[in-house]
Amino acid sequence: MLVLNTKLLRERGIDEADWPRSLNDLTHPRWKNQVAMSKPIAGTSATQAACLFQAWGKDAAKAWYRALRDNGVQAGAG
């Protein structure tokens, strides 16, 4: 699931056409240090991680999480 703070995006003057539309968009340099997520340790975030690994495969899911990390994702308690 992708949740956006549309109020903040509008306040920053980011055109709606440029908003992220997919999970992969979050790894783009445009969103560096602007993405937050729950640590995928338990509950819903762990379920999402398991689903990504199942749907995308181990290598693609690991690459995505690494790309998020490299793009400055902020991981916090769920």
N, C-alpha and C. Protein backbone atom coordinates (compact mmCIF):
# COMPACT_ATOMS: atom_id res chain seq x y z
N MET A 1 0.84 -1.16 0.00
CA MET A 1 0.00 0.00 0.00
C MET A 1 0.89 1.24 0.00
N LEU A 2 0.50 2.22 -0.77
CA LEU A 2 1.23 3.47 -0.88
C LEU A 2 0.34 4.59 -0.35
N VAL A 3 0.81 5.28 0.67
CA VAL A 3 0.05 6.38 1.27
C VAL A 3 0.87 7.66 1.09
N LEU A 4 0.23 8.68 0.56
CA LEU A 4 0.91 9.96 0.32
C LEU A 4 0.28 11.05 1.17
N ASN A 5 1.10 11.98 1.62
CA ASN A 5 0.61 13.17 2.30
C ASN A 5 0.35 14.21 1.20
N THR A 6 -0.85 14.15 0.63
CA THR A 6 -1.18 15.01 -0.50
C THR A 6 -1.17 16.49 -0.12
N LYS A 7 -1.52 16.79 1.11
CA LYS A 7 -1.48 18.19 1.57
C LYS A 7 -0.06 18.73 1.50
N LEU A 8 0.89 17.94 2.01
CA LEU A 8 2.29 18.36 1.99
C LEU A 8 2.83 18.46 0.56
N LEU A 9 2.47 17.51 -0.28
CA LEU A 9 2.92 17.56 -1.67
C LEU A 9 2.42 18.82 -2.37
N ARG A 10 1.17 19.16 -2.12
CA ARG A 10 0.61 20.38 -2.71
C ARG A 10 1.29 21.62 -2.14
N GLU A 11 1.52 21.64 -0.81
CA GLU A 11 2.18 22.78 -0.18
C GLU A 11 3.57 23.01 -0.75
N ARG A 12 4.23 21.92 -1.11
CA ARG A 12 5.58 22.02 -1.69
C ARG A 12 5.55 22.34 -3.19
N GLY A 13 4.35 22.46 -3.73
CA GLY A 13 4.21 22.81 -5.14
C GLY A 13 4.56 21.70 -6.11
N ILE A 14 4.47 20.46 -5.65
CA ILE A 14 4.77 19.32 -6.52
C ILE A 14 3.52 18.97 -7.30
N ASP A 15 3.63 19.02 -8.61
CA ASP A 15 2.51 18.73 -9.49
C ASP A 15 2.03 17.29 -9.28
N GLU A 16 0.74 17.10 -9.26
CA GLU A 16 0.18 15.77 -9.03
C GLU A 16 0.70 14.73 -10.03
N ALA A 17 1.00 15.15 -11.23
CA ALA A 17 1.54 14.22 -12.23
C ALA A 17 2.91 13.68 -11.83
N ASP A 18 3.60 14.37 -10.92
CA ASP A 18 4.93 13.96 -10.48
C ASP A 18 4.92 13.17 -9.18
N TRP A 19 3.75 12.98 -8.58
CA TRP A 19 3.67 12.22 -7.34
C TRP A 19 4.01 10.76 -7.60
N PRO A 20 4.57 10.07 -6.59
CA PRO A 20 4.84 8.64 -6.77
C PRO A 20 3.54 7.87 -7.00
N ARG A 21 3.59 6.93 -7.91
CA ARG A 21 2.41 6.12 -8.25
C ARG A 21 2.59 4.65 -7.90
N SER A 22 3.82 4.27 -7.58
CA SER A 22 4.09 2.87 -7.27
C SER A 22 5.17 2.79 -6.20
N LEU A 23 5.32 1.62 -5.63
CA LEU A 23 6.37 1.41 -4.64
C LEU A 23 7.75 1.67 -5.25
N ASN A 24 7.93 1.28 -6.49
CA ASN A 24 9.23 1.49 -7.15
C ASN A 24 9.54 2.97 -7.31
N ASP A 25 8.53 3.81 -7.46
CA ASP A 25 8.77 5.25 -7.58
C ASP A 25 9.47 5.80 -6.35
N LEU A 26 9.28 5.19 -5.21
CA LEU A 26 9.86 5.68 -3.96
C LEU A 26 11.38 5.56 -3.93
N THR A 27 11.95 4.78 -4.82
CA THR A 27 13.41 4.63 -4.88
C THR A 27 14.06 5.66 -5.80
N HIS A 28 13.25 6.47 -6.45
CA HIS A 28 13.77 7.50 -7.37
C HIS A 28 14.45 8.61 -6.56
N PRO A 29 15.55 9.14 -7.06
CA PRO A 29 16.25 10.22 -6.34
C PRO A 29 15.35 11.42 -6.01
N ARG A 30 14.29 11.63 -6.75
CA ARG A 30 13.35 12.73 -6.49
C ARG A 30 12.79 12.66 -5.07
N TRP A 31 12.71 11.43 -4.53
CA TRP A 31 12.10 11.24 -3.21
C TRP A 31 13.12 10.92 -2.13
N LYS A 32 14.40 11.19 -2.41
CA LYS A 32 15.46 10.91 -1.44
C LYS A 32 15.17 11.61 -0.11
N ASN A 33 15.29 10.86 0.96
CA ASN A 33 15.08 11.34 2.33
C ASN A 33 13.66 11.87 2.58
N GLN A 34 12.70 11.42 1.79
CA GLN A 34 11.33 11.88 1.96
C GLN A 34 10.34 10.72 2.15
N VAL A 35 10.86 9.52 2.35
CA VAL A 35 10.01 8.33 2.48
C VAL A 35 10.16 7.75 3.88
N ALA A 36 9.03 7.37 4.47
CA ALA A 36 9.05 6.72 5.78
C ALA A 36 8.22 5.45 5.71
N MET A 37 8.61 4.48 6.48
CA MET A 37 7.87 3.22 6.55
C MET A 37 8.08 2.58 7.91
N SER A 38 7.19 1.66 8.25
CA SER A 38 7.35 0.88 9.47
C SER A 38 8.40 -0.20 9.23
N LYS A 39 9.17 -0.49 10.25
CA LYS A 39 10.14 -1.58 10.14
C LYS A 39 9.38 -2.88 9.89
N PRO A 40 9.77 -3.64 8.88
CA PRO A 40 9.04 -4.87 8.57
C PRO A 40 9.43 -6.02 9.50
N ILE A 41 9.10 -5.86 10.78
CA ILE A 41 9.47 -6.86 11.78
C ILE A 41 8.26 -7.72 12.17
N ALA A 42 7.10 -7.10 12.29
CA ALA A 42 5.91 -7.84 12.72
C ALA A 42 4.66 -7.16 12.16
N GLY A 43 3.55 -7.83 12.27
CA GLY A 43 2.27 -7.25 11.89
C GLY A 43 2.15 -6.96 10.41
N THR A 44 1.46 -5.87 10.11
CA THR A 44 1.15 -5.51 8.73
C THR A 44 2.39 -5.29 7.89
N SER A 45 3.40 -4.62 8.44
CA SER A 45 4.60 -4.35 7.65
C SER A 45 5.37 -5.63 7.33
N ALA A 46 5.37 -6.59 8.24
CA ALA A 46 6.01 -7.88 7.97
C ALA A 46 5.22 -8.65 6.92
N THR A 47 3.90 -8.54 6.98
CA THR A 47 3.06 -9.20 5.98
C THR A 47 3.31 -8.60 4.61
N GLN A 48 3.42 -7.27 4.53
CA GLN A 48 3.72 -6.62 3.25
C GLN A 48 5.07 -7.11 2.71
N ALA A 49 6.07 -7.18 3.56
CA ALA A 49 7.38 -7.66 3.13
C ALA A 49 7.29 -9.08 2.60
N ALA A 50 6.59 -9.94 3.32
CA ALA A 50 6.43 -11.33 2.88
C ALA A 50 5.74 -11.40 1.52
N CYS A 51 4.72 -10.56 1.34
CA CYS A 51 4.00 -10.53 0.06
C CYS A 51 4.90 -10.03 -1.08
N LEU A 52 5.72 -9.03 -0.80
CA LEU A 52 6.63 -8.53 -1.83
C LEU A 52 7.63 -9.61 -2.23
N PHE A 53 8.17 -10.32 -1.26
CA PHE A 53 9.11 -11.40 -1.57
C PHE A 53 8.42 -12.50 -2.38
N GLN A 54 7.18 -12.79 -2.06
CA GLN A 54 6.44 -13.83 -2.79
C GLN A 54 6.11 -13.36 -4.22
N ALA A 55 5.64 -12.13 -4.34
CA ALA A 55 5.20 -11.63 -5.65
C ALA A 55 6.36 -11.27 -6.58
N TRP A 56 7.38 -10.63 -6.03
CA TRP A 56 8.49 -10.15 -6.85
C TRP A 56 9.66 -11.12 -6.93
N GLY A 57 9.74 -12.04 -5.96
CA GLY A 57 10.89 -12.93 -5.87
C GLY A 57 11.93 -12.34 -4.93
N LYS A 58 12.76 -13.22 -4.41
CA LYS A 58 13.74 -12.85 -3.38
C LYS A 58 14.69 -11.75 -3.86
N ASP A 59 15.26 -11.91 -5.04
CA ASP A 59 16.26 -10.96 -5.51
C ASP A 59 15.66 -9.57 -5.75
N ALA A 60 14.50 -9.51 -6.39
CA ALA A 60 13.87 -8.21 -6.68
C ALA A 60 13.43 -7.52 -5.39
N ALA A 61 12.88 -8.27 -4.44
CA ALA A 61 12.43 -7.67 -3.19
C ALA A 61 13.63 -7.14 -2.39
N LYS A 62 14.71 -7.92 -2.32
CA LYS A 62 15.91 -7.45 -1.62
C LYS A 62 16.46 -6.20 -2.29
N ALA A 63 16.48 -6.19 -3.61
CA ALA A 63 16.99 -5.02 -4.35
C ALA A 63 16.15 -3.79 -4.04
N TRP A 64 14.83 -3.96 -3.95
CA TRP A 64 13.94 -2.83 -3.67
C TRP A 64 14.20 -2.28 -2.26
N TYR A 65 14.30 -3.16 -1.28
CA TYR A 65 14.57 -2.70 0.09
C TYR A 65 15.94 -2.02 0.18
N ARG A 66 16.91 -2.53 -0.54
CA ARG A 66 18.23 -1.89 -0.55
C ARG A 66 18.17 -0.52 -1.22
N ALA A 67 17.41 -0.43 -2.30
CA ALA A 67 17.26 0.85 -3.01
C ALA A 67 16.56 1.88 -2.11
N LEU A 68 15.56 1.43 -1.34
CA LEU A 68 14.91 2.33 -0.38
C LEU A 68 15.92 2.82 0.66
N ARG A 69 16.68 1.88 1.19
CA ARG A 69 17.70 2.24 2.20
C ARG A 69 18.68 3.26 1.61
N ASP A 70 19.15 2.98 0.41
CA ASP A 70 20.12 3.88 -0.23
C ASP A 70 19.52 5.24 -0.56
N ASN A 71 18.20 5.30 -0.65
CA ASN A 71 17.51 6.55 -0.95
C ASN A 71 17.08 7.28 0.33
N GLY A 72 17.53 6.79 1.47
CA GLY A 72 17.32 7.50 2.72
C GLY A 72 15.98 7.25 3.39
N VAL A 73 15.38 6.07 3.16
CA VAL A 73 14.10 5.78 3.81
C VAL A 73 14.27 5.87 5.33
N GLN A 74 13.25 6.38 5.99
CA GLN A 74 13.24 6.45 7.45
C GLN A 74 12.34 5.34 7.96
N ALA A 75 12.91 4.37 8.64
CA ALA A 75 12.14 3.23 9.16
C ALA A 75 11.92 3.43 10.65
N GLY A 76 10.65 3.35 11.05
CA GLY A 76 10.32 3.56 12.44
C GLY A 76 9.42 2.47 12.97
N ALA A 77 9.08 2.57 14.22
CA ALA A 77 8.19 1.60 14.85
C ALA A 77 6.81 1.67 14.20
N GLY A 78 6.17 0.53 14.08
CA GLY A 78 4.87 0.45 13.40
C GLY A 78 3.73 0.82 14.22
